[in-house]
Amino acid sequence: MIVIGERINATRKPIARAIEEKNAAHIRREALRQIEAGAFYLDLNAGLGRGREKEDLVWLISVVQETAEPPLCLDSSDPEVLEACLPLVKNPDVMVNSITGESARIARLTPVIKSHPGAKVIALTMDDAGIPADTDRRLVIAERLIDILGSCGVAQEDIFLDGLVQPVSTDVRNARIFLEFVKEVKRRHPQVRTTCGLSNVSFGLPKRSLVNRHFLVLACAAGLDSAICDPTEEGMMSSACVTEMLLGRDEFCMQYIRSVREGRQ
């Protein structure tokens, strides 16, 4: 399970405040907490909506890389921001979050993707009509995104399709729709990766971490390769580790045994 740490995101009030105040110590703490918890990528989002996204994302990259040089996931739909920031990332294993099936966004972002070969791409299954309510329409968008990204030189294993799980609090079918999407993508395109904003599923519910952990188990069993989530959330990484082992993805159970010996379970 490839965990993309979600905590350094300007939609979170403490992060927005840290960006505004240029509180580097707070950002460094958030980065280290997620790395120590087991996040592989750190998602960086500086979209405060005040016209300073490029400058703020440059600052976030600099602060995080003073602490460590983890793989980064740059969360922006602005091609100018990405063109300025991608060359600043020291770790060559970099991810762009995200492209969608929306015509305008594809037109803006495909030149950036073409000019940065080797970058992984998170692709969201929504188009100009919004997020489809059913699995079939999401699969149609997914096929189009795979074709477009392939034409940009992105290898299938570097495509991370996000089937956009929606809250079960608004429609109890939403988790099942997402799980069906993941299963079908992996059947059709075994090399393509799947991901999601995991905590979306629990929005509006009490004890969200409980829902998140159980959904992660189901999603892994369906074939989920990655999750954008909070690795510091109680029990999250344990659920991922144990589930991967039970699904036969942890040869000789070594990842599980190592995590127990290191006191992470």
C-alpha atoms as a PDB file:
ATOM      1  CA  MET A   1       0.000   0.000   0.000  1.00  0.00           C
ATOM      2  CA  ILE A   2       1.477   3.321  -1.128  1.00  0.00           C
ATOM      3  CA  VAL A   3       0.457   5.883   1.464  1.00  0.00           C
ATOM      4  CA  ILE A   4       0.385   9.531   0.372  1.00  0.00           C
ATOM      5  CA  GLY A   5       0.347  11.726   3.471  1.00  0.00           C
ATOM      6  CA  GLU A   6      -2.419  14.304   3.214  1.00  0.00           C
ATOM      7  CA  ARG A   7      -1.748  16.581   6.178  1.00  0.00           C
ATOM      8  CA  ILE A   8       0.227  19.431   4.518  1.00  0.00           C
ATOM      9  CA  ASN A   9      -2.815  20.844   2.773  1.00  0.00           C
ATOM     10  CA  ALA A  10      -3.908  24.475   2.818  1.00  0.00           C
ATOM     11  CA  THR A  11      -7.549  23.436   3.251  1.00  0.00           C
ATOM     12  CA  ARG A  12      -6.599  22.507   6.823  1.00  0.00           C
ATOM     13  CA  LYS A  13      -6.737  25.617   8.992  1.00  0.00           C
ATOM     14  CA  PRO A  14      -3.469  24.968  10.899  1.00  0.00           C
ATOM     15  CA  ILE A  15      -1.606  24.531   7.608  1.00  0.00           C
ATOM     16  CA  ALA A  16      -3.210  27.607   6.049  1.00  0.00           C
ATOM     17  CA  ARG A  17      -2.123  29.600   9.099  1.00  0.00           C
ATOM     18  CA  ALA A  18       1.402  28.160   8.961  1.00  0.00           C
ATOM     19  CA  ILE A  19       1.691  29.135   5.294  1.00  0.00           C
ATOM     20  CA  GLU A  20       0.387  32.648   5.988  1.00  0.00           C
ATOM     21  CA  GLU A  21       2.786  33.117   8.904  1.00  0.00           C
ATOM     22  CA  LYS A  22       5.650  31.225   7.227  1.00  0.00           C
ATOM     23  CA  ASN A  23       5.848  28.973  10.260  1.00  0.00           C
ATOM     24  CA  ALA A  24       8.481  26.568   8.995  1.00  0.00           C
ATOM     25  CA  ALA A  25       8.699  24.687  12.299  1.00  0.00           C
ATOM     26  CA  HIS A  26       5.048  23.647  12.070  1.00  0.00           C
ATOM     27  CA  ILE A  27       5.460  22.381   8.493  1.00  0.00           C
ATOM     28  CA  ARG A  28       8.609  20.462   9.411  1.00  0.00           C
ATOM     29  CA  ARG A  29       6.809  18.775  12.308  1.00  0.00           C
ATOM     30  CA  GLU A  30       3.958  17.738  10.033  1.00  0.00           C
ATOM     31  CA  ALA A  31       6.391  16.338   7.464  1.00  0.00           C
ATOM     32  CA  LEU A  32       8.370  14.336  10.027  1.00  0.00           C
ATOM     33  CA  ARG A  33       5.260  12.986  11.762  1.00  0.00           C
ATOM     34  CA  GLN A  34       3.963  11.580   8.488  1.00  0.00           C
ATOM     35  CA  ILE A  35       7.310  10.152   7.393  1.00  0.00           C
ATOM     36  CA  GLU A  36       7.815   8.490  10.771  1.00  0.00           C
ATOM     37  CA  ALA A  37       4.271   7.079  10.626  1.00  0.00           C
ATOM     38  CA  GLY A  38       5.072   5.393   7.315  1.00  0.00           C
ATOM     39  CA  ALA A  39       3.950   7.767   4.543  1.00  0.00           C
ATOM     40  CA  PHE A  40       5.877   7.215   1.341  1.00  0.00           C
ATOM     41  CA  TYR A  41       4.836  10.385  -0.499  1.00  0.00           C
ATOM     42  CA  LEU A  42       3.955  13.713   1.084  1.00  0.00           C
ATOM     43  CA  ASP A  43       1.174  15.606  -0.657  1.00  0.00           C
ATOM     44  CA  LEU A  44       1.816  19.372  -0.689  1.00  0.00           C
ATOM     45  CA  ASN A  45      -1.095  21.712  -1.339  1.00  0.00           C
ATOM     46  CA  ALA A  46      -0.690  25.493  -1.097  1.00  0.00           C
ATOM     47  CA  GLY A  47      -3.965  26.557  -2.730  1.00  0.00           C
ATOM     48  CA  LEU A  48      -5.148  29.305  -0.402  1.00  0.00           C
ATOM     49  CA  GLY A  49      -7.024  31.055  -3.209  1.00  0.00           C
ATOM     50  CA  ARG A  50      -5.187  34.333  -2.769  1.00  0.00           C
ATOM     51  CA  GLY A  51      -3.096  34.349  -5.941  1.00  0.00           C
ATOM     52  CA  ARG A  52       0.136  33.231  -4.242  1.00  0.00           C
ATOM     53  CA  GLU A  53      -0.009  29.504  -4.858  1.00  0.00           C
ATOM     54  CA  LYS A  54       3.289  29.355  -6.746  1.00  0.00           C
ATOM     55  CA  GLU A  55       5.239  31.287  -4.111  1.00  0.00           C
ATOM     56  CA  ASP A  56       3.645  29.337  -1.277  1.00  0.00           C
ATOM     57  CA  LEU A  57       4.257  25.927  -2.857  1.00  0.00           C
ATOM     58  CA  VAL A  58       7.884  26.868  -3.551  1.00  0.00           C
ATOM     59  CA  TRP A  59       8.183  27.705   0.152  1.00  0.00           C
ATOM     60  CA  LEU A  60       6.560  24.428   1.257  1.00  0.00           C
ATOM     61  CA  ILE A  61       8.904  22.393  -0.944  1.00  0.00           C
ATOM     62  CA  SER A  62      11.915  24.216   0.460  1.00  0.00           C
ATOM     63  CA  VAL A  63      10.862  23.726   4.089  1.00  0.00           C
ATOM     64  CA  VAL A  64      10.025  20.036   3.684  1.00  0.00           C
ATOM     65  CA  GLN A  65      13.293  19.341   1.876  1.00  0.00           C
ATOM     66  CA  GLU A  66      15.244  21.004   4.684  1.00  0.00           C
ATOM     67  CA  THR A  67      13.862  18.249   6.906  1.00  0.00           C
ATOM     68  CA  ALA A  68      14.146  15.276   4.568  1.00  0.00           C
ATOM     69  CA  GLU A  69      13.943  14.467   0.888  1.00  0.00           C
ATOM     70  CA  PRO A  70      10.883  12.221   0.663  1.00  0.00           C
ATOM     71  CA  PRO A  71       9.036  11.650  -2.588  1.00  0.00           C
ATOM     72  CA  LEU A  72       6.636  14.551  -3.014  1.00  0.00           C
ATOM     73  CA  CYS A  73       3.179  14.777  -4.541  1.00  0.00           C
ATOM     74  CA  LEU A  74       2.546  18.297  -5.843  1.00  0.00           C
ATOM     75  CA  ASP A  75      -1.146  19.034  -5.504  1.00  0.00           C
ATOM     76  CA  SER A  76      -2.018  21.761  -8.013  1.00  0.00           C
ATOM     77  CA  SER A  77      -4.016  22.123 -11.211  1.00  0.00           C
ATOM     78  CA  ASP A  78      -2.141  25.273 -12.283  1.00  0.00           C
ATOM     79  CA  PRO A  79       0.406  24.506 -15.033  1.00  0.00           C
ATOM     80  CA  GLU A  80       2.450  27.607 -14.204  1.00  0.00           C
ATOM     81  CA  VAL A  81       2.747  26.471 -10.587  1.00  0.00           C
ATOM     82  CA  LEU A  82       3.783  22.955 -11.584  1.00  0.00           C
ATOM     83  CA  GLU A  83       6.317  24.160 -14.165  1.00  0.00           C
ATOM     84  CA  ALA A  84       7.933  26.351 -11.509  1.00  0.00           C
ATOM     85  CA  CYS A  85       7.861  23.756  -8.736  1.00  0.00           C
ATOM     86  CA  LEU A  86       8.607  20.377 -10.334  1.00  0.00           C
ATOM     87  CA  PRO A  87      12.284  21.256 -11.034  1.00  0.00           C
ATOM     88  CA  LEU A  88      12.721  22.161  -7.349  1.00  0.00           C
ATOM     89  CA  VAL A  89      11.898  18.658  -6.120  1.00  0.00           C
ATOM     90  CA  LYS A  90      15.136  16.851  -5.280  1.00  0.00           C
ATOM     91  CA  ASN A  91      13.783  13.323  -5.080  1.00  0.00           C
ATOM     92  CA  PRO A  92      13.237  12.150  -8.681  1.00  0.00           C
ATOM     93  CA  ASP A  93      10.269  10.021  -7.597  1.00  0.00           C
ATOM     94  CA  VAL A  94       7.699  12.798  -7.911  1.00  0.00           C
ATOM     95  CA  MET A  95       3.946  12.757  -8.389  1.00  0.00           C
ATOM     96  CA  VAL A  96       1.512  15.306  -9.838  1.00  0.00           C
ATOM     97  CA  ASN A  97      -1.944  15.579  -8.286  1.00  0.00           C
ATOM     98  CA  SER A  98      -4.038  15.881 -10.390  1.00  0.00           C
ATOM     99  CA  ILE A  99      -5.459  15.745 -13.875  1.00  0.00           C
ATOM    100  CA  THR A 100      -9.145  15.107 -14.567  1.00  0.00           C
ATOM    101  CA  GLY A 101     -11.335  14.334 -17.544  1.00  0.00           C
ATOM    102  CA  GLU A 102     -12.402  17.987 -17.713  1.00  0.00           C
ATOM    103  CA  SER A 103     -11.522  19.353 -21.144  1.00  0.00           C
ATOM    104  CA  ALA A 104      -9.980  22.616 -19.942  1.00  0.00           C
ATOM    105  CA  ARG A 105      -7.810  20.944 -17.301  1.00  0.00           C
ATOM    106  CA  ILE A 106      -6.533  18.313 -19.723  1.00  0.00           C
ATOM    107  CA  ALA A 107      -5.606  20.996 -22.239  1.00  0.00           C
ATOM    108  CA  ARG A 108      -3.697  22.956 -19.575  1.00  0.00           C
ATOM    109  CA  LEU A 109      -1.880  20.084 -17.899  1.00  0.00           C
ATOM    110  CA  THR A 110      -0.897  17.626 -20.639  1.00  0.00           C
ATOM    111  CA  PRO A 111       1.967  19.886 -21.877  1.00  0.00           C
ATOM    112  CA  VAL A 112       3.361  19.943 -18.326  1.00  0.00           C
ATOM    113  CA  ILE A 113       3.167  16.163 -18.064  1.00  0.00           C
ATOM    114  CA  LYS A 114       4.850  15.719 -21.446  1.00  0.00           C
ATOM    115  CA  SER A 115       7.696  18.005 -20.386  1.00  0.00           C
ATOM    116  CA  HIS A 116       8.367  16.055 -17.167  1.00  0.00           C
ATOM    117  CA  PRO A 117       8.818  12.415 -18.193  1.00  0.00           C
ATOM    118  CA  GLY A 118       8.943  10.011 -15.302  1.00  0.00           C
ATOM    119  CA  ALA A 119       6.516  11.923 -13.112  1.00  0.00           C
ATOM    120  CA  LYS A 120       3.667   9.854 -11.723  1.00  0.00           C
ATOM    121  CA  VAL A 121       0.161  11.266 -12.218  1.00  0.00           C
ATOM    122  CA  ILE A 122      -3.008  11.057 -10.151  1.00  0.00           C
ATOM    123  CA  ALA A 123      -5.982  11.110 -12.536  1.00  0.00           C
ATOM    124  CA  LEU A 124      -9.472  11.842 -11.202  1.00  0.00           C
ATOM    125  CA  THR A 125     -12.472  10.229 -12.878  1.00  0.00           C
ATOM    126  CA  MET A 126     -14.587  13.315 -13.361  1.00  0.00           C
ATOM    127  CA  ASP A 127     -15.324  15.279 -16.515  1.00  0.00           C
ATOM    128  CA  ASP A 128     -17.160  18.408 -17.594  1.00  0.00           C
ATOM    129  CA  ALA A 129     -20.400  16.949 -16.234  1.00  0.00           C
ATOM    130  CA  GLY A 130     -18.868  16.475 -12.778  1.00  0.00           C
ATOM    131  CA  ILE A 131     -18.420  13.279 -10.754  1.00  0.00           C
ATOM    132  CA  PRO A 132     -20.480  10.418 -12.206  1.00  0.00           C
ATOM    133  CA  ALA A 133     -22.932   8.736  -9.878  1.00  0.00           C
ATOM    134  CA  ASP A 134     -22.242   5.269 -11.252  1.00  0.00           C
ATOM    135  CA  THR A 135     -19.303   2.950 -11.832  1.00  0.00           C
ATOM    136  CA  ASP A 136     -19.733   2.593 -15.599  1.00  0.00           C
ATOM    137  CA  ARG A 137     -19.369   6.280 -16.370  1.00  0.00           C
ATOM    138  CA  ARG A 138     -16.295   6.542 -14.150  1.00  0.00           C
ATOM    139  CA  LEU A 139     -14.776   3.663 -16.088  1.00  0.00           C
ATOM    140  CA  VAL A 140     -15.424   5.453 -19.394  1.00  0.00           C
ATOM    141  CA  ILE A 141     -13.555   8.506 -18.076  1.00  0.00           C
ATOM    142  CA  ALA A 142     -10.795   6.263 -16.717  1.00  0.00           C
ATOM    143  CA  GLU A 143     -10.229   4.685 -20.130  1.00  0.00           C
ATOM    144  CA  ARG A 144      -9.972   8.129 -21.709  1.00  0.00           C
ATOM    145  CA  LEU A 145      -7.503   9.309 -19.074  1.00  0.00           C
ATOM    146  CA  ILE A 146      -5.338   6.202 -19.535  1.00  0.00           C
ATOM    147  CA  ASP A 147      -5.230   6.857 -23.294  1.00  0.00           C
ATOM    148  CA  ILE A 148      -4.396  10.552 -22.880  1.00  0.00           C
ATOM    149  CA  LEU A 149      -1.677   9.962 -20.305  1.00  0.00           C
ATOM    150  CA  GLY A 150      -0.248   7.139 -22.379  1.00  0.00           C
ATOM    151  CA  SER A 151       0.016   9.515 -25.336  1.00  0.00           C
ATOM    152  CA  CYS A 152       1.948  11.875 -23.041  1.00  0.00           C
ATOM    153  CA  GLY A 153       4.478   9.141 -22.351  1.00  0.00           C
ATOM    154  CA  VAL A 154       3.243   8.163 -18.897  1.00  0.00           C
ATOM    155  CA  ALA A 155       3.757   4.452 -18.237  1.00  0.00           C
ATOM    156  CA  GLN A 156       0.693   2.566 -17.021  1.00  0.00           C
ATOM    157  CA  GLU A 157       2.304   1.802 -13.665  1.00  0.00           C
ATOM    158  CA  ASP A 158       2.804   5.561 -13.174  1.00  0.00           C
ATOM    159  CA  ILE A 159      -0.903   6.310 -13.619  1.00  0.00           C
ATOM    160  CA  PHE A 160      -2.853   6.447 -10.354  1.00  0.00           C
ATOM    161  CA  LEU A 161      -6.586   6.454 -11.090  1.00  0.00           C
ATOM    162  CA  ASP A 162      -8.749   8.032  -8.404  1.00  0.00           C
ATOM    163  CA  GLY A 163     -12.311   6.726  -8.595  1.00  0.00           C
ATOM    164  CA  LEU A 164     -13.430   9.543  -6.282  1.00  0.00           C
ATOM    165  CA  VAL A 165     -15.054   7.817  -3.341  1.00  0.00           C
ATOM    166  CA  GLN A 166     -17.952   9.900  -2.045  1.00  0.00           C
ATOM    167  CA  PRO A 167     -19.358  10.037   1.513  1.00  0.00           C
ATOM    168  CA  VAL A 168     -21.576   7.160   2.536  1.00  0.00           C
ATOM    169  CA  SER A 169     -23.433   9.671   4.703  1.00  0.00           C
ATOM    170  CA  THR A 170     -24.989  11.124   1.542  1.00  0.00           C
ATOM    171  CA  ASP A 171     -25.568   7.806  -0.243  1.00  0.00           C
ATOM    172  CA  VAL A 172     -24.941   4.455   1.394  1.00  0.00           C
ATOM    173  CA  ARG A 173     -24.005   2.991  -2.029  1.00  0.00           C
ATOM    174  CA  ASN A 174     -20.981   5.252  -2.475  1.00  0.00           C
ATOM    175  CA  ALA A 175     -18.393   2.931  -0.943  1.00  0.00           C
ATOM    176  CA  ARG A 176     -19.654  -0.016  -2.984  1.00  0.00           C
ATOM    177  CA  ILE A 177     -19.574   2.024  -6.213  1.00  0.00           C
ATOM    178  CA  PHE A 178     -15.943   2.915  -5.572  1.00  0.00           C
ATOM    179  CA  LEU A 179     -14.963  -0.664  -4.726  1.00  0.00           C
ATOM    180  CA  GLU A 180     -16.578  -1.900  -7.943  1.00  0.00           C
ATOM    181  CA  PHE A 181     -14.589   0.709  -9.862  1.00  0.00           C
ATOM    182  CA  VAL A 182     -11.298  -0.429  -8.343  1.00  0.00           C
ATOM    183  CA  LYS A 183     -11.995  -4.104  -9.081  1.00  0.00           C
ATOM    184  CA  GLU A 184     -12.849  -3.407 -12.707  1.00  0.00           C
ATOM    185  CA  VAL A 185      -9.863  -1.131 -13.317  1.00  0.00           C
ATOM    186  CA  LYS A 186      -7.513  -3.787 -11.961  1.00  0.00           C
ATOM    187  CA  ARG A 187      -9.201  -6.437 -14.117  1.00  0.00           C
ATOM    188  CA  ARG A 188      -8.870  -4.382 -17.292  1.00  0.00           C
ATOM    189  CA  HIS A 189      -5.509  -2.747 -16.601  1.00  0.00           C
ATOM    190  CA  PRO A 190      -3.469  -4.690 -14.024  1.00  0.00           C
ATOM    191  CA  GLN A 191      -0.501  -2.339 -14.369  1.00  0.00           C
ATOM    192  CA  VAL A 192      -2.473   0.849 -13.737  1.00  0.00           C
ATOM    193  CA  ARG A 193      -2.516   1.905 -10.076  1.00  0.00           C
ATOM    194  CA  THR A 194      -5.565   2.992  -8.115  1.00  0.00           C
ATOM    195  CA  THR A 195      -5.830   5.549  -5.328  1.00  0.00           C
ATOM    196  CA  CYS A 196      -8.375   7.657  -3.462  1.00  0.00           C
ATOM    197  CA  GLY A 197      -8.863  10.411  -0.923  1.00  0.00           C
ATOM    198  CA  LEU A 198      -9.663   7.829   1.725  1.00  0.00           C
ATOM    199  CA  SER A 199     -11.298  10.002   4.384  1.00  0.00           C
ATOM    200  CA  ASN A 200     -13.940  11.285   1.952  1.00  0.00           C
ATOM    201  CA  VAL A 201     -15.891   8.102   2.638  1.00  0.00           C
ATOM    202  CA  SER A 202     -16.523   9.053   6.278  1.00  0.00           C
ATOM    203  CA  PHE A 203     -17.404  12.732   5.840  1.00  0.00           C
ATOM    204  CA  GLY A 204     -20.377  13.729   7.998  1.00  0.00           C
ATOM    205  CA  LEU A 205     -20.175  10.666  10.261  1.00  0.00           C
ATOM    206  CA  PRO A 206     -19.109  10.275  13.901  1.00  0.00           C
ATOM    207  CA  LYS A 207     -15.905   8.363  14.720  1.00  0.00           C
ATOM    208  CA  ARG A 208     -14.567   8.923  11.227  1.00  0.00           C
ATOM    209  CA  SER A 209     -11.295   7.103  11.871  1.00  0.00           C
ATOM    210  CA  LEU A 210     -13.240   3.898  12.565  1.00  0.00           C
ATOM    211  CA  VAL A 211     -14.989   4.141   9.190  1.00  0.00           C
ATOM    212  CA  ASN A 212     -11.739   5.052   7.421  1.00  0.00           C
ATOM    213  CA  ARG A 213      -9.841   2.033   8.747  1.00  0.00           C
ATOM    214  CA  HIS A 214     -12.544  -0.466   7.811  1.00  0.00           C
ATOM    215  CA  PHE A 215     -12.957   1.071   4.375  1.00  0.00           C
ATOM    216  CA  LEU A 216      -9.198   0.810   3.812  1.00  0.00           C
ATOM    217  CA  VAL A 217      -9.363  -2.936   4.476  1.00  0.00           C
ATOM    218  CA  LEU A 218     -12.203  -3.388   1.964  1.00  0.00           C
ATOM    219  CA  ALA A 219     -10.473  -1.197  -0.620  1.00  0.00           C
ATOM    220  CA  CYS A 220      -7.189  -3.098  -0.322  1.00  0.00           C
ATOM    221  CA  ALA A 221      -9.061  -6.357  -0.853  1.00  0.00           C
ATOM    222  CA  ALA A 222     -10.654  -4.852  -3.976  1.00  0.00           C
ATOM    223  CA  GLY A 223      -7.209  -4.005  -5.359  1.00  0.00           C
ATOM    224  CA  LEU A 224      -6.490  -0.484  -4.128  1.00  0.00           C
ATOM    225  CA  ASP A 225      -2.792   0.301  -4.589  1.00  0.00           C
ATOM    226  CA  SER A 226      -2.572   3.649  -2.846  1.00  0.00           C
ATOM    227  CA  ALA A 227      -4.415   5.995  -0.524  1.00  0.00           C
ATOM    228  CA  ILE A 228      -4.204   9.703   0.146  1.00  0.00           C
ATOM    229  CA  CYS A 229      -4.769   9.671   3.878  1.00  0.00           C
ATOM    230  CA  ASP A 230      -3.535  10.703   7.302  1.00  0.00           C
ATOM    231  CA  PRO A 231      -0.853   8.163   8.283  1.00  0.00           C
ATOM    232  CA  THR A 232      -0.859   9.514  11.849  1.00  0.00           C
ATOM    233  CA  GLU A 233      -4.526   8.568  12.317  1.00  0.00           C
ATOM    234  CA  GLU A 234      -4.807   5.941  15.028  1.00  0.00           C
ATOM    235  CA  GLY A 235      -4.760   2.418  13.605  1.00  0.00           C
ATOM    236  CA  MET A 236      -4.502   3.506   9.952  1.00  0.00           C
ATOM    237  CA  MET A 237      -1.038   2.168   9.199  1.00  0.00           C
ATOM    238  CA  SER A 238      -1.649  -0.963  11.273  1.00  0.00           C
ATOM    239  CA  SER A 239      -4.743  -1.736   9.226  1.00  0.00           C
ATOM    240  CA  ALA A 240      -2.809  -1.252   6.000  1.00  0.00           C
ATOM    241  CA  CYS A 241       0.111  -3.412   7.138  1.00  0.00           C
ATOM    242  CA  VAL A 242      -1.970  -6.318   8.420  1.00  0.00           C
ATOM    243  CA  THR A 243      -4.316  -6.268   5.427  1.00  0.00           C
ATOM    244  CA  GLU A 244      -1.440  -6.351   2.944  1.00  0.00           C
ATOM    245  CA  MET A 245      -0.020  -9.367   4.786  1.00  0.00           C
ATOM    246  CA  LEU A 246      -3.321 -11.243   4.842  1.00  0.00           C
ATOM    247  CA  LEU A 247      -3.819 -10.593   1.134  1.00  0.00           C
ATOM    248  CA  GLY A 248      -0.485 -12.230   0.381  1.00  0.00           C
ATOM    249  CA  ARG A 249       1.306  -9.012  -0.600  1.00  0.00           C
ATOM    250  CA  ASP A 250       3.916  -9.199   2.171  1.00  0.00           C
ATOM    251  CA  GLU A 251       6.336 -11.989   1.303  1.00  0.00           C
ATOM    252  CA  PHE A 252       7.211 -14.107   4.348  1.00  0.00           C
ATOM    253  CA  CYS A 253       5.261 -11.504   6.408  1.00  0.00           C
ATOM    254  CA  MET A 254       8.476  -9.512   6.691  1.00  0.00           C
ATOM    255  CA  GLN A 255       6.920  -6.037   6.560  1.00  0.00           C
ATOM    256  CA  TYR A 256       4.549  -6.977   9.363  1.00  0.00           C
ATOM    257  CA  ILE A 257       7.277  -8.597  11.462  1.00  0.00           C
ATOM    258  CA  ARG A 258       9.587  -5.620  10.965  1.00  0.00           C
ATOM    259  CA  SER A 259       6.886  -3.131  11.956  1.00  0.00           C
ATOM    260  CA  VAL A 260       6.160  -5.123  15.141  1.00  0.00           C
ATOM    261  CA  ARG A 261       9.850  -5.260  16.051  1.00  0.00           C
ATOM    262  CA  GLU A 262      10.112  -1.518  15.513  1.00  0.00           C
ATOM    263  CA  GLY A 263       7.147  -0.915  17.811  1.00  0.00           C
ATOM    264  CA  ARG A 264       4.848   0.410  15.097  1.00  0.00           C
ATOM    265  CA  GLN A 265       2.134  -2.234  15.754  1.00  0.00           C
END
